[in-house]
């Protein structure tokens, strides 16, 4: 299921990163890699704040839909 479907406080392992090559490379530079653990911190106004690799990152719902957990 896409990352955007997780609830606040839920943690899950990243199974796959979808989208175009540029999008995948951008997400990878933020720490979103296959096998990584991601936790939803909060969700507001269509943006999602996640914990990934000991840091917090904000992404929009379109990007979150490309991350399969």
N, C-alpha and C. Protein backbone atom coordinates (compact mmCIF):
# COMPACT_ATOMS: atom_id res chain seq x y z
N UNK A 1 0.84 -1.19 0.00
CA UNK A 1 0.00 0.00 0.00
C UNK A 1 0.89 1.25 0.00
N UNK A 2 0.39 2.36 -0.49
CA UNK A 2 1.20 3.58 -0.52
C UNK A 2 1.42 4.16 0.88
N UNK A 3 2.51 4.87 1.05
CA UNK A 3 2.86 5.50 2.33
C UNK A 3 1.74 6.40 2.83
N UNK A 4 1.03 7.05 1.94
CA UNK A 4 -0.03 7.99 2.34
C UNK A 4 -1.19 7.30 3.06
N UNK A 5 -1.26 5.97 2.99
CA UNK A 5 -2.34 5.23 3.66
C UNK A 5 -2.03 4.92 5.13
N UNK A 6 -0.78 5.06 5.55
CA UNK A 6 -0.42 4.81 6.95
C UNK A 6 -1.02 5.88 7.84
N UNK A 7 -1.27 5.51 9.09
CA UNK A 7 -1.81 6.46 10.06
C UNK A 7 -0.66 7.06 10.87
N UNK A 8 -0.92 8.19 11.53
CA UNK A 8 0.09 8.86 12.35
C UNK A 8 0.57 7.89 13.44
N UNK A 9 1.88 7.80 13.58
CA UNK A 9 2.48 6.91 14.58
C UNK A 9 2.83 5.54 14.04
N UNK A 10 2.30 5.18 12.88
CA UNK A 10 2.58 3.86 12.30
C UNK A 10 3.96 3.85 11.64
N UNK A 11 4.65 2.73 11.78
CA UNK A 11 5.95 2.54 11.13
C UNK A 11 5.84 1.37 10.17
N UNK A 12 6.57 1.44 9.07
CA UNK A 12 6.53 0.36 8.09
C UNK A 12 7.82 0.35 7.29
N UNK A 13 8.10 -0.79 6.67
CA UNK A 13 9.29 -0.93 5.83
C UNK A 13 8.95 -0.55 4.40
N UNK A 14 9.84 0.17 3.75
CA UNK A 14 9.64 0.56 2.36
C UNK A 14 9.91 -0.65 1.47
N UNK A 15 8.93 -1.01 0.65
CA UNK A 15 9.04 -2.16 -0.24
C UNK A 15 9.52 -1.75 -1.63
N UNK A 16 9.05 -0.58 -2.10
CA UNK A 16 9.35 -0.17 -3.48
C UNK A 16 9.15 1.33 -3.61
N UNK A 17 9.96 1.94 -4.47
CA UNK A 17 9.81 3.36 -4.81
C UNK A 17 9.40 3.42 -6.28
N UNK A 18 8.25 4.03 -6.55
CA UNK A 18 7.75 4.13 -7.91
C UNK A 18 8.04 5.49 -8.51
N UNK A 19 7.50 5.72 -9.69
CA UNK A 19 7.66 7.01 -10.36
C UNK A 19 8.79 7.01 -11.37
N UNK A 20 9.03 8.18 -11.93
CA UNK A 20 10.10 8.34 -12.93
C UNK A 20 11.46 8.29 -12.24
N UNK A 21 12.49 8.12 -13.05
CA UNK A 21 13.87 8.01 -12.53
C UNK A 21 14.26 9.22 -11.69
N UNK A 22 13.91 10.43 -12.15
CA UNK A 22 14.23 11.65 -11.39
C UNK A 22 13.57 11.64 -10.02
N UNK A 23 12.31 11.23 -9.98
CA UNK A 23 11.56 11.17 -8.72
C UNK A 23 12.19 10.17 -7.78
N UNK A 24 12.52 8.99 -8.30
CA UNK A 24 13.14 7.95 -7.46
C UNK A 24 14.47 8.43 -6.89
N UNK A 25 15.26 9.09 -7.74
CA UNK A 25 16.57 9.58 -7.29
C UNK A 25 16.40 10.65 -6.22
N UNK A 26 15.41 11.54 -6.38
CA UNK A 26 15.15 12.59 -5.40
C UNK A 26 14.75 11.98 -4.05
N UNK A 27 13.82 11.02 -4.08
CA UNK A 27 13.38 10.38 -2.84
C UNK A 27 14.53 9.62 -2.19
N UNK A 28 15.37 9.00 -3.00
CA UNK A 28 16.53 8.28 -2.46
C UNK A 28 17.49 9.24 -1.76
N UNK A 29 17.65 10.44 -2.31
CA UNK A 29 18.53 11.42 -1.69
C UNK A 29 17.99 11.90 -0.34
N UNK A 30 16.68 11.81 -0.16
CA UNK A 30 16.06 12.18 1.12
C UNK A 30 16.14 11.04 2.13
N UNK A 31 16.53 9.85 1.69
CA UNK A 31 16.64 8.71 2.60
C UNK A 31 15.62 7.62 2.38
N UNK A 32 14.74 7.79 1.41
CA UNK A 32 13.71 6.79 1.12
C UNK A 32 14.31 5.70 0.23
N UNK A 33 14.79 4.63 0.85
CA UNK A 33 15.38 3.52 0.10
C UNK A 33 14.65 2.23 0.46
N UNK A 34 14.64 1.28 -0.46
CA UNK A 34 14.01 -0.01 -0.22
C UNK A 34 14.63 -0.66 1.00
N UNK A 35 13.76 -1.13 1.90
CA UNK A 35 14.22 -1.77 3.13
C UNK A 35 14.31 -0.81 4.31
N UNK A 36 14.22 0.50 4.05
CA UNK A 36 14.27 1.49 5.13
C UNK A 36 12.96 1.52 5.91
N UNK A 37 13.06 1.91 7.18
CA UNK A 37 11.87 2.02 8.03
C UNK A 37 11.43 3.48 8.06
N UNK A 38 10.16 3.69 7.80
CA UNK A 38 9.59 5.04 7.78
C UNK A 38 8.42 5.09 8.77
N UNK A 39 8.35 6.20 9.53
CA UNK A 39 7.28 6.39 10.51
C UNK A 39 6.57 7.70 10.22
N UNK A 40 5.25 7.67 10.23
CA UNK A 40 4.46 8.89 10.02
C UNK A 40 4.45 9.70 11.32
N UNK A 41 4.90 10.96 11.25
CA UNK A 41 4.91 11.83 12.43
C UNK A 41 3.62 12.64 12.50
N UNK A 42 3.28 13.29 11.38
CA UNK A 42 2.02 14.04 11.34
C UNK A 42 1.59 14.24 9.90
N UNK A 43 0.33 14.65 9.78
CA UNK A 43 -0.26 14.86 8.46
C UNK A 43 -1.11 16.11 8.53
N UNK A 44 -0.82 17.07 7.66
CA UNK A 44 -1.62 18.30 7.66
C UNK A 44 -1.68 18.93 6.28
N UNK A 45 -2.85 19.26 5.86
CA UNK A 45 -3.05 19.94 4.59
C UNK A 45 -2.51 19.20 3.37
N UNK A 46 -2.57 17.89 3.39
CA UNK A 46 -2.08 17.12 2.25
C UNK A 46 -0.59 16.83 2.29
N UNK A 47 0.12 17.40 3.26
CA UNK A 47 1.54 17.13 3.41
C UNK A 47 1.74 16.13 4.55
N UNK A 48 2.76 15.30 4.42
CA UNK A 48 3.02 14.27 5.41
C UNK A 48 4.43 14.47 5.93
N UNK A 49 4.58 14.48 7.26
CA UNK A 49 5.90 14.56 7.87
C UNK A 49 6.25 13.17 8.37
N UNK A 50 7.42 12.68 7.95
CA UNK A 50 7.84 11.33 8.30
C UNK A 50 9.20 11.34 8.96
N UNK A 51 9.46 10.31 9.75
CA UNK A 51 10.77 10.05 10.31
C UNK A 51 11.43 9.01 9.44
N UNK A 52 12.58 9.32 8.89
CA UNK A 52 13.33 8.36 8.07
C UNK A 52 14.81 8.56 8.38
N UNK A 53 15.48 7.50 8.75
CA UNK A 53 16.92 7.55 9.05
C UNK A 53 17.26 8.66 10.03
N UNK A 54 16.60 8.69 11.17
CA UNK A 54 16.89 9.65 12.25
C UNK A 54 16.65 11.11 11.89
N UNK A 55 15.90 11.38 10.83
CA UNK A 55 15.58 12.77 10.50
C UNK A 55 14.13 12.88 10.06
N UNK A 56 13.60 14.09 10.15
CA UNK A 56 12.22 14.34 9.74
C UNK A 56 12.21 14.98 8.36
N UNK A 57 11.31 14.46 7.53
CA UNK A 57 11.20 14.95 6.16
C UNK A 57 9.72 15.19 5.86
N UNK A 58 9.42 16.30 5.20
CA UNK A 58 8.04 16.59 4.78
C UNK A 58 7.93 16.33 3.28
N UNK A 59 6.92 15.56 2.91
CA UNK A 59 6.66 15.31 1.49
C UNK A 59 5.17 15.51 1.23
N UNK A 60 4.83 15.78 -0.02
CA UNK A 60 3.41 15.95 -0.34
C UNK A 60 2.77 14.58 -0.64
N UNK A 61 1.47 14.56 -0.75
CA UNK A 61 0.75 13.30 -0.93
C UNK A 61 1.10 12.61 -2.25
N UNK A 62 1.39 13.37 -3.31
CA UNK A 62 1.79 12.77 -4.57
C UNK A 62 3.06 11.95 -4.42
N UNK A 63 4.05 12.51 -3.71
CA UNK A 63 5.30 11.78 -3.47
C UNK A 63 5.04 10.58 -2.59
N UNK A 64 4.21 10.74 -1.57
CA UNK A 64 3.92 9.65 -0.64
C UNK A 64 3.23 8.49 -1.36
N UNK A 65 2.45 8.80 -2.38
CA UNK A 65 1.76 7.74 -3.14
C UNK A 65 2.73 6.91 -3.98
N UNK A 66 3.92 7.43 -4.25
CA UNK A 66 4.91 6.71 -5.03
C UNK A 66 5.76 5.76 -4.16
N UNK A 67 5.63 5.91 -2.84
CA UNK A 67 6.40 5.07 -1.91
C UNK A 67 5.49 3.94 -1.42
N UNK A 68 5.85 2.71 -1.77
CA UNK A 68 5.04 1.55 -1.40
C UNK A 68 5.63 0.91 -0.14
N UNK A 69 4.78 0.70 0.87
CA UNK A 69 5.22 0.09 2.13
C UNK A 69 4.53 -1.24 2.36
